[in-house]
Amino acid sequence: MSTEQTDTVTLPLKDLIFDILGYHENGLSCAQVTPTTAMVLEHKLKNSQLWCVEKKNVDGSDMSIPMLWRKTDWLSASSTYKKQKAYSDARVLEHNLLTANVSMLAKAIMRKSPIPESAAQNMAYMMVKNPQAVGVITFFGVNKLKTEEKDLD
């Protein structure tokens, strides 16, 4: 082994973190650290209210390079991610419900009348988007539109 690999240095923890992230007021929110540094920092910062080490991505997979975070910035970033994920999931569900309802109603329209599929799709879309069209929807034989994720199965 070379001397570079076996040399060790002892530094105060705060100085090391300062060297990595900079001043609290105008430094970085997070920075990449080597796996060895992450392992040491993770042990030393176990109960820290100021900093944390992140080794997993938001999807739970291992990061190729760990990150050192200021705890407040990490909490803010993960909170923002969770809110954005919830919003995105709600929009996807809304889209899937709309698509399923339009398809179901278009089929019902085509059973009742000789309307081309594209016209039936357009009519169904307009009816599903109009909350006052409940009577017309029932006329075509659809008693209830899908409103929950469990209805999609």
N, C-alpha and C. Protein backbone atom coordinates (compact mmCIF):
# COMPACT_ATOMS: atom_id res chain seq x y z
N MET A 1 0.84 -1.19 0.00
CA MET A 1 0.00 0.00 0.00
C MET A 1 0.88 1.24 0.00
N SER A 2 0.40 2.25 -0.66
CA SER A 2 1.15 3.50 -0.70
C SER A 2 0.91 4.25 0.60
N THR A 3 1.77 5.21 0.87
CA THR A 3 1.63 5.99 2.10
C THR A 3 0.38 6.84 2.07
N GLU A 4 -0.11 7.20 0.87
CA GLU A 4 -1.34 8.00 0.77
C GLU A 4 -2.54 7.23 1.30
N GLN A 5 -2.56 5.93 1.10
CA GLN A 5 -3.70 5.12 1.53
C GLN A 5 -3.68 4.85 3.03
N THR A 6 -2.54 4.88 3.64
CA THR A 6 -2.47 4.55 5.06
C THR A 6 -2.36 5.78 5.96
N ASP A 7 -2.13 6.93 5.39
CA ASP A 7 -2.03 8.15 6.21
C ASP A 7 -3.41 8.52 6.74
N THR A 8 -3.47 8.87 8.01
CA THR A 8 -4.73 9.33 8.60
C THR A 8 -4.48 10.69 9.22
N VAL A 9 -5.58 11.44 9.34
CA VAL A 9 -5.51 12.78 9.90
C VAL A 9 -6.63 12.90 10.92
N THR A 10 -6.35 13.59 12.02
CA THR A 10 -7.39 13.85 13.00
C THR A 10 -7.76 15.32 12.91
N LEU A 11 -9.08 15.55 12.69
CA LEU A 11 -9.60 16.91 12.57
C LEU A 11 -10.80 17.06 13.49
N PRO A 12 -11.03 18.26 14.01
CA PRO A 12 -12.29 18.47 14.72
C PRO A 12 -13.45 18.30 13.74
N LEU A 13 -14.52 17.67 14.19
CA LEU A 13 -15.67 17.37 13.35
C LEU A 13 -16.24 18.63 12.69
N LYS A 14 -16.39 19.70 13.46
CA LYS A 14 -16.95 20.94 12.92
C LYS A 14 -16.07 21.52 11.81
N ASP A 15 -14.76 21.41 11.98
CA ASP A 15 -13.85 21.91 10.94
C ASP A 15 -14.00 21.10 9.65
N LEU A 16 -14.13 19.79 9.79
CA LEU A 16 -14.30 18.94 8.61
C LEU A 16 -15.60 19.28 7.88
N ILE A 17 -16.67 19.44 8.65
CA ILE A 17 -17.96 19.78 8.03
C ILE A 17 -17.89 21.17 7.40
N PHE A 18 -17.24 22.10 8.06
CA PHE A 18 -17.04 23.44 7.48
C PHE A 18 -16.27 23.35 6.16
N ASP A 19 -15.23 22.50 6.13
CA ASP A 19 -14.44 22.33 4.91
C ASP A 19 -15.28 21.75 3.78
N ILE A 20 -16.27 20.93 4.13
CA ILE A 20 -17.11 20.30 3.11
C ILE A 20 -18.26 21.21 2.69
N LEU A 21 -19.00 21.76 3.66
CA LEU A 21 -20.22 22.52 3.37
C LEU A 21 -20.04 24.04 3.38
N GLY A 22 -19.02 24.53 4.05
CA GLY A 22 -18.83 25.97 4.15
C GLY A 22 -19.63 26.55 5.31
N TYR A 23 -19.67 27.88 5.37
CA TYR A 23 -20.40 28.57 6.44
C TYR A 23 -21.87 28.22 6.40
N HIS A 24 -22.50 28.25 7.55
CA HIS A 24 -23.93 27.94 7.63
C HIS A 24 -24.76 28.98 6.87
N GLU A 25 -24.38 30.24 6.94
CA GLU A 25 -25.16 31.31 6.33
C GLU A 25 -25.09 31.29 4.81
N ASN A 26 -23.95 30.98 4.24
CA ASN A 26 -23.82 31.06 2.79
C ASN A 26 -23.11 29.85 2.19
N GLY A 27 -23.12 28.75 2.89
CA GLY A 27 -22.47 27.54 2.38
C GLY A 27 -23.44 26.69 1.57
N LEU A 28 -23.04 25.47 1.33
CA LEU A 28 -23.84 24.53 0.56
C LEU A 28 -24.89 23.87 1.45
N SER A 29 -25.98 23.46 0.85
CA SER A 29 -27.00 22.69 1.57
C SER A 29 -26.53 21.25 1.74
N CYS A 30 -25.84 20.75 0.70
CA CYS A 30 -25.35 19.37 0.75
C CYS A 30 -24.12 19.26 -0.14
N ALA A 31 -23.39 18.19 0.06
CA ALA A 31 -22.20 17.94 -0.75
C ALA A 31 -21.90 16.45 -0.76
N GLN A 32 -21.32 15.99 -1.84
CA GLN A 32 -20.91 14.60 -1.93
C GLN A 32 -19.69 14.37 -1.06
N VAL A 33 -19.65 13.19 -0.45
CA VAL A 33 -18.50 12.78 0.35
C VAL A 33 -18.13 11.36 -0.05
N THR A 34 -16.91 10.98 0.21
CA THR A 34 -16.48 9.62 -0.12
C THR A 34 -17.21 8.63 0.79
N PRO A 35 -17.35 7.39 0.37
CA PRO A 35 -18.01 6.39 1.22
C PRO A 35 -17.34 6.23 2.59
N THR A 36 -16.01 6.32 2.63
CA THR A 36 -15.31 6.20 3.91
C THR A 36 -15.64 7.38 4.82
N THR A 37 -15.62 8.59 4.26
CA THR A 37 -15.97 9.78 5.04
C THR A 37 -17.42 9.69 5.50
N ALA A 38 -18.29 9.21 4.62
CA ALA A 38 -19.71 9.07 4.97
C ALA A 38 -19.88 8.11 6.14
N MET A 39 -19.14 7.01 6.11
CA MET A 39 -19.25 6.01 7.18
C MET A 39 -18.84 6.63 8.52
N VAL A 40 -17.75 7.37 8.53
CA VAL A 40 -17.28 8.00 9.76
C VAL A 40 -18.26 9.08 10.22
N LEU A 41 -18.68 9.93 9.28
CA LEU A 41 -19.61 11.01 9.63
C LEU A 41 -20.95 10.46 10.11
N GLU A 42 -21.42 9.41 9.47
CA GLU A 42 -22.70 8.81 9.87
C GLU A 42 -22.64 8.35 11.33
N HIS A 43 -21.52 7.77 11.70
CA HIS A 43 -21.34 7.32 13.10
C HIS A 43 -21.28 8.53 14.04
N LYS A 44 -20.50 9.53 13.66
CA LYS A 44 -20.30 10.70 14.53
C LYS A 44 -21.54 11.60 14.61
N LEU A 45 -22.34 11.63 13.54
CA LEU A 45 -23.51 12.52 13.48
C LEU A 45 -24.81 11.80 13.80
N LYS A 46 -24.70 10.64 14.40
CA LYS A 46 -25.86 9.78 14.66
C LYS A 46 -27.05 10.53 15.28
N ASN A 47 -26.83 11.35 16.26
CA ASN A 47 -27.91 12.07 16.94
C ASN A 47 -27.84 13.58 16.69
N SER A 48 -27.17 13.98 15.63
CA SER A 48 -26.98 15.40 15.36
C SER A 48 -28.27 16.06 14.90
N GLN A 49 -28.51 17.26 15.37
CA GLN A 49 -29.64 18.06 14.93
C GLN A 49 -29.22 19.03 13.81
N LEU A 50 -27.92 19.06 13.51
CA LEU A 50 -27.40 20.01 12.53
C LEU A 50 -27.08 19.40 11.17
N TRP A 51 -26.59 18.16 11.15
CA TRP A 51 -26.15 17.55 9.91
C TRP A 51 -26.60 16.09 9.84
N CYS A 52 -26.65 15.57 8.63
CA CYS A 52 -26.94 14.14 8.45
C CYS A 52 -26.28 13.65 7.17
N VAL A 53 -26.08 12.35 7.11
CA VAL A 53 -25.50 11.71 5.93
C VAL A 53 -26.61 10.90 5.26
N GLU A 54 -26.72 11.06 3.97
CA GLU A 54 -27.74 10.32 3.21
C GLU A 54 -27.03 9.35 2.28
N LYS A 55 -27.40 8.07 2.38
CA LYS A 55 -26.78 7.04 1.56
C LYS A 55 -27.78 6.38 0.61
N LYS A 56 -29.07 6.73 0.75
CA LYS A 56 -30.12 6.13 -0.08
C LYS A 56 -30.79 7.21 -0.92
N ASN A 57 -31.17 6.85 -2.14
CA ASN A 57 -31.95 7.74 -2.99
C ASN A 57 -33.40 7.75 -2.51
N VAL A 58 -34.21 8.65 -3.05
CA VAL A 58 -35.61 8.75 -2.64
C VAL A 58 -36.38 7.47 -2.93
N ASP A 59 -35.93 6.69 -3.91
CA ASP A 59 -36.61 5.43 -4.22
C ASP A 59 -36.11 4.27 -3.37
N GLY A 60 -35.17 4.54 -2.45
CA GLY A 60 -34.67 3.51 -1.55
C GLY A 60 -33.42 2.79 -2.03
N SER A 61 -32.99 3.07 -3.25
CA SER A 61 -31.77 2.43 -3.76
C SER A 61 -30.53 3.13 -3.19
N ASP A 62 -29.42 2.40 -3.17
CA ASP A 62 -28.18 2.97 -2.64
C ASP A 62 -27.64 4.04 -3.60
N MET A 63 -27.15 5.13 -2.99
CA MET A 63 -26.50 6.18 -3.79
C MET A 63 -25.11 5.71 -4.15
N SER A 64 -24.65 6.07 -5.33
CA SER A 64 -23.28 5.71 -5.69
C SER A 64 -22.29 6.56 -4.89
N ILE A 65 -22.69 7.80 -4.60
CA ILE A 65 -21.85 8.69 -3.79
C ILE A 65 -22.72 9.27 -2.68
N PRO A 66 -22.39 9.03 -1.42
CA PRO A 66 -23.19 9.55 -0.30
C PRO A 66 -23.16 11.08 -0.24
N MET A 67 -24.15 11.63 0.44
CA MET A 67 -24.27 13.08 0.58
C MET A 67 -24.28 13.49 2.05
N LEU A 68 -23.56 14.57 2.34
CA LEU A 68 -23.62 15.20 3.66
C LEU A 68 -24.57 16.38 3.53
N TRP A 69 -25.56 16.45 4.41
CA TRP A 69 -26.59 17.50 4.36
C TRP A 69 -26.62 18.32 5.63
N ARG A 70 -26.99 19.57 5.50
CA ARG A 70 -27.42 20.34 6.67
C ARG A 70 -28.80 19.80 6.98
N LYS A 71 -29.08 19.47 8.22
CA LYS A 71 -30.32 18.79 8.59
C LYS A 71 -31.56 19.58 8.18
N THR A 72 -31.57 20.90 8.40
CA THR A 72 -32.75 21.70 8.04
C THR A 72 -33.00 21.66 6.54
N ASP A 73 -31.95 21.72 5.74
CA ASP A 73 -32.10 21.68 4.29
C ASP A 73 -32.56 20.29 3.84
N TRP A 74 -32.05 19.24 4.48
CA TRP A 74 -32.46 17.88 4.15
C TRP A 74 -33.94 17.68 4.47
N LEU A 75 -34.38 18.16 5.63
CA LEU A 75 -35.79 18.04 6.00
C LEU A 75 -36.67 18.80 5.03
N SER A 76 -36.24 19.97 4.65
CA SER A 76 -37.00 20.78 3.70
C SER A 76 -37.07 20.10 2.33
N ALA A 77 -35.95 19.60 1.87
CA ALA A 77 -35.91 18.93 0.55
C ALA A 77 -36.76 17.66 0.55
N SER A 78 -36.68 16.87 1.62
CA SER A 78 -37.47 15.64 1.65
C SER A 78 -38.95 15.94 1.82
N SER A 79 -39.29 17.00 2.54
CA SER A 79 -40.68 17.41 2.68
C SER A 79 -41.23 17.88 1.34
N THR A 80 -40.44 18.67 0.63
CA THR A 80 -40.84 19.14 -0.69
C THR A 80 -41.04 17.96 -1.63
N TYR A 81 -40.13 16.99 -1.59
CA TYR A 81 -40.25 15.81 -2.45
C TYR A 81 -41.53 15.06 -2.13
N LYS A 82 -41.83 14.87 -0.86
CA LYS A 82 -43.04 14.13 -0.47
C LYS A 82 -44.29 14.85 -0.94
N LYS A 83 -44.31 16.18 -0.82
CA LYS A 83 -45.47 16.96 -1.29
C LYS A 83 -45.61 16.85 -2.80
N GLN A 84 -44.50 16.97 -3.52
CA GLN A 84 -44.55 16.87 -4.97
C GLN A 84 -44.97 15.48 -5.42
N LYS A 85 -44.49 14.47 -4.71
CA LYS A 85 -44.85 13.08 -5.04
C LYS A 85 -46.33 12.85 -4.80
N ALA A 86 -46.86 13.34 -3.68
CA ALA A 86 -48.29 13.20 -3.39
C ALA A 86 -49.12 13.92 -4.45
N TYR A 87 -48.70 15.13 -4.82
CA TYR A 87 -49.41 15.89 -5.84
C TYR A 87 -49.39 15.13 -7.17
N SER A 88 -48.24 14.62 -7.55
CA SER A 88 -48.09 13.88 -8.79
C SER A 88 -48.96 12.63 -8.78
N ASP A 89 -48.95 11.89 -7.68
CA ASP A 89 -49.77 10.68 -7.57
C ASP A 89 -51.25 11.01 -7.69
N ALA A 90 -51.67 12.12 -7.10
CA ALA A 90 -53.07 12.54 -7.19
C ALA A 90 -53.44 12.88 -8.63
N ARG A 91 -52.53 13.57 -9.35
CA ARG A 91 -52.81 13.91 -10.75
C ARG A 91 -52.88 12.66 -11.62
N VAL A 92 -52.01 11.69 -11.37
CA VAL A 92 -52.03 10.44 -12.13
C VAL A 92 -53.34 9.70 -11.88
N LEU A 93 -53.76 9.63 -10.62
CA LEU A 93 -55.04 8.97 -10.30
C LEU A 93 -56.19 9.69 -10.97
N GLU A 94 -56.18 11.02 -10.91
CA GLU A 94 -57.23 11.81 -11.56
C GLU A 94 -57.29 11.51 -13.06
N HIS A 95 -56.13 11.45 -13.70
CA HIS A 95 -56.06 11.13 -15.13
C HIS A 95 -56.59 9.73 -15.42
N ASN A 96 -56.17 8.76 -14.61
CA ASN A 96 -56.60 7.38 -14.82
C ASN A 96 -58.11 7.23 -14.63
N LEU A 97 -58.66 7.92 -13.63
CA LEU A 97 -60.11 7.88 -13.41
C LEU A 97 -60.85 8.52 -14.58
N LEU A 98 -60.36 9.65 -15.05
CA LEU A 98 -60.99 10.33 -16.19
C LEU A 98 -60.96 9.43 -17.42
N THR A 99 -59.82 8.84 -17.71
CA THR A 99 -59.68 7.96 -18.87
C THR A 99 -60.63 6.77 -18.77
N ALA A 100 -60.68 6.14 -17.60
CA ALA A 100 -61.57 4.98 -17.41
C ALA A 100 -63.03 5.37 -17.56
N ASN A 101 -63.41 6.51 -16.99
CA ASN A 101 -64.81 6.95 -17.07
C ASN A 101 -65.19 7.33 -18.50
N VAL A 102 -64.32 8.02 -19.20
CA VAL A 102 -64.60 8.39 -20.59
C VAL A 102 -64.74 7.14 -21.44
N SER A 103 -63.85 6.19 -21.26
CA SER A 103 -63.91 4.95 -22.03
C SER A 103 -65.20 4.18 -21.75
N MET A 104 -65.54 4.06 -20.47
CA MET A 104 -66.75 3.34 -20.07
C MET A 104 -67.99 4.02 -20.65
N LEU A 105 -68.08 5.33 -20.54
CA LEU A 105 -69.24 6.07 -21.02
C LEU A 105 -69.29 6.07 -22.56
N ALA A 106 -68.16 6.17 -23.21
CA ALA A 106 -68.13 6.14 -24.69
C ALA A 106 -68.68 4.80 -25.20
N LYS A 107 -68.30 3.72 -24.56
CA LYS A 107 -68.82 2.40 -24.95
C LYS A 107 -70.33 2.34 -24.76
N ALA A 108 -70.80 2.90 -23.65
CA ALA A 108 -72.25 2.92 -23.39
C ALA A 108 -72.97 3.77 -24.44
N ILE A 109 -72.40 4.89 -24.83
CA ILE A 109 -72.99 5.76 -25.85
C ILE A 109 -73.08 5.01 -27.17
N MET A 110 -72.02 4.32 -27.54
CA MET A 110 -72.00 3.59 -28.82
C MET A 110 -72.99 2.43 -28.82
N ARG A 111 -73.27 1.84 -27.65
CA ARG A 111 -74.28 0.77 -27.56
C ARG A 111 -75.68 1.32 -27.80
N LYS A 112 -75.94 2.54 -27.32
CA LYS A 112 -77.27 3.14 -27.41
C LYS A 112 -77.55 3.80 -28.76
N SER A 113 -76.50 4.27 -29.44
CA SER A 113 -76.73 5.00 -30.69
C SER A 113 -75.61 4.74 -31.68
N PRO A 114 -75.88 4.91 -32.96
CA PRO A 114 -74.86 4.66 -33.99
C PRO A 114 -73.92 5.85 -34.17
N ILE A 115 -73.18 6.17 -33.13
CA ILE A 115 -72.25 7.30 -33.17
C ILE A 115 -70.83 6.75 -33.34
N PRO A 116 -70.02 7.39 -34.20
CA PRO A 116 -68.63 6.94 -34.34
C PRO A 116 -67.87 7.06 -33.01
N GLU A 117 -66.85 6.23 -32.88
CA GLU A 117 -66.11 6.17 -31.62
C GLU A 117 -65.51 7.51 -31.22
N SER A 118 -64.94 8.24 -32.16
CA SER A 118 -64.32 9.52 -31.81
C SER A 118 -65.36 10.51 -31.28
N ALA A 119 -66.53 10.53 -31.88
CA ALA A 119 -67.60 11.41 -31.41
C ALA A 119 -68.09 10.95 -30.03
N ALA A 120 -68.20 9.65 -29.85
CA ALA A 120 -68.63 9.12 -28.55
C ALA A 120 -67.62 9.47 -27.46
N GLN A 121 -66.34 9.39 -27.80
CA GLN A 121 -65.28 9.75 -26.85
C GLN A 121 -65.40 11.23 -26.46
N ASN A 122 -65.62 12.10 -27.46
CA ASN A 122 -65.76 13.53 -27.18
C ASN A 122 -66.99 13.81 -26.33
N MET A 123 -68.10 13.18 -26.66
CA MET A 123 -69.33 13.36 -25.87
C MET A 123 -69.11 12.88 -24.43
N ALA A 124 -68.49 11.72 -24.31
CA ALA A 124 -68.25 11.14 -22.98
C ALA A 124 -67.36 12.06 -22.16
N TYR A 125 -66.33 12.60 -22.78
CA TYR A 125 -65.42 13.50 -22.07
C TYR A 125 -66.18 14.71 -21.55
N MET A 126 -66.98 15.31 -22.41
CA MET A 126 -67.76 16.50 -22.01
C MET A 126 -68.72 16.17 -20.87
N MET A 127 -69.34 15.00 -20.93
CA MET A 127 -70.28 14.61 -19.87
C MET A 127 -69.57 14.33 -18.55
N VAL A 128 -68.44 13.66 -18.62
CA VAL A 128 -67.70 13.34 -17.39
C VAL A 128 -67.20 14.61 -16.73
N LYS A 129 -66.77 15.57 -17.53
CA LYS A 129 -66.25 16.83 -16.99
C LYS A 129 -67.35 17.76 -16.48
N ASN A 130 -68.61 17.52 -16.89
CA ASN A 130 -69.73 18.36 -16.49
C ASN A 130 -70.51 17.69 -15.36
N PRO A 131 -70.41 18.20 -14.14
CA PRO A 131 -71.09 17.55 -13.01
C PRO A 131 -72.62 17.56 -13.13
N GLN A 132 -73.17 18.41 -13.98
CA GLN A 132 -74.63 18.49 -14.15
C GLN A 132 -75.15 17.46 -15.16
N ALA A 133 -74.27 16.66 -15.75
CA ALA A 133 -74.67 15.70 -16.77
C ALA A 133 -75.01 14.33 -16.19
N VAL A 134 -75.24 14.23 -14.90
CA VAL A 134 -75.50 12.94 -14.25
C VAL A 134 -76.72 12.27 -14.87
N GLY A 135 -77.78 13.02 -15.14
CA GLY A 135 -78.99 12.45 -15.74
C GLY A 135 -78.73 11.88 -17.12
N VAL A 136 -77.94 12.58 -17.91
CA VAL A 136 -77.62 12.11 -19.25
C VAL A 136 -76.75 10.85 -19.17
N ILE A 137 -75.84 10.83 -18.23
CA ILE A 137 -74.96 9.67 -18.07
C ILE A 137 -75.79 8.43 -17.74
N THR A 138 -76.76 8.58 -16.84
CA THR A 138 -77.61 7.44 -16.47
C THR A 138 -78.48 7.02 -17.65
N PHE A 139 -78.86 7.94 -18.50
CA PHE A 139 -79.64 7.60 -19.70
C PHE A 139 -78.89 6.58 -20.55
N PHE A 140 -77.56 6.71 -20.61
CA PHE A 140 -76.76 5.79 -21.42
C PHE A 140 -76.44 4.49 -20.68
N GLY A 141 -76.95 4.31 -19.49
CA GLY A 141 -76.78 3.05 -18.77
C GLY A 141 -75.61 3.01 -17.81
N VAL A 142 -74.98 4.14 -17.57
CA VAL A 142 -73.88 4.20 -16.59
C VAL A 142 -74.45 4.79 -15.31
N ASN A 143 -74.56 3.95 -14.28
CA ASN A 143 -75.18 4.40 -13.03
C ASN A 143 -74.22 5.15 -12.13
N LYS A 144 -72.93 4.80 -12.21
CA LYS A 144 -71.97 5.42 -11.30
C LYS A 144 -70.62 5.53 -11.99
N LEU A 145 -70.02 6.70 -11.90
CA LEU A 145 -68.68 6.89 -12.44
C LEU A 145 -67.66 6.41 -11.41
N LYS A 146 -66.49 6.05 -11.89
CA LYS A 146 -65.41 5.61 -11.00
C LYS A 146 -64.84 6.83 -10.29
N THR A 147 -64.69 6.72 -8.97
CA THR A 147 -64.23 7.85 -8.19
C THR A 147 -63.01 7.54 -7.32
N GLU A 148 -62.67 6.27 -7.19
CA GLU A 148 -61.54 5.87 -6.33
C GLU A 148 -60.62 4.92 -7.07
N GLU A 149 -59.42 4.80 -6.56
CA GLU A 149 -58.42 3.94 -7.18
C GLU A 149 -58.88 2.49 -7.23
N LYS A 150 -59.58 2.06 -6.18
CA LYS A 150 -60.04 0.66 -6.15
C LYS A 150 -61.06 0.38 -7.26
N ASP A 151 -61.74 1.42 -7.76
CA ASP A 151 -62.71 1.24 -8.85
C ASP A 151 -62.04 0.96 -10.19
N LEU A 152 -60.75 1.23 -10.30
CA LEU A 152 -60.05 1.07 -11.57
C LEU A 152 -59.77 -0.39 -11.91
N ASP A 153 -59.83 -1.26 -10.96
CA ASP A 153 -59.52 -2.67 -11.23
C ASP A 153 -60.62 -3.40 -11.93
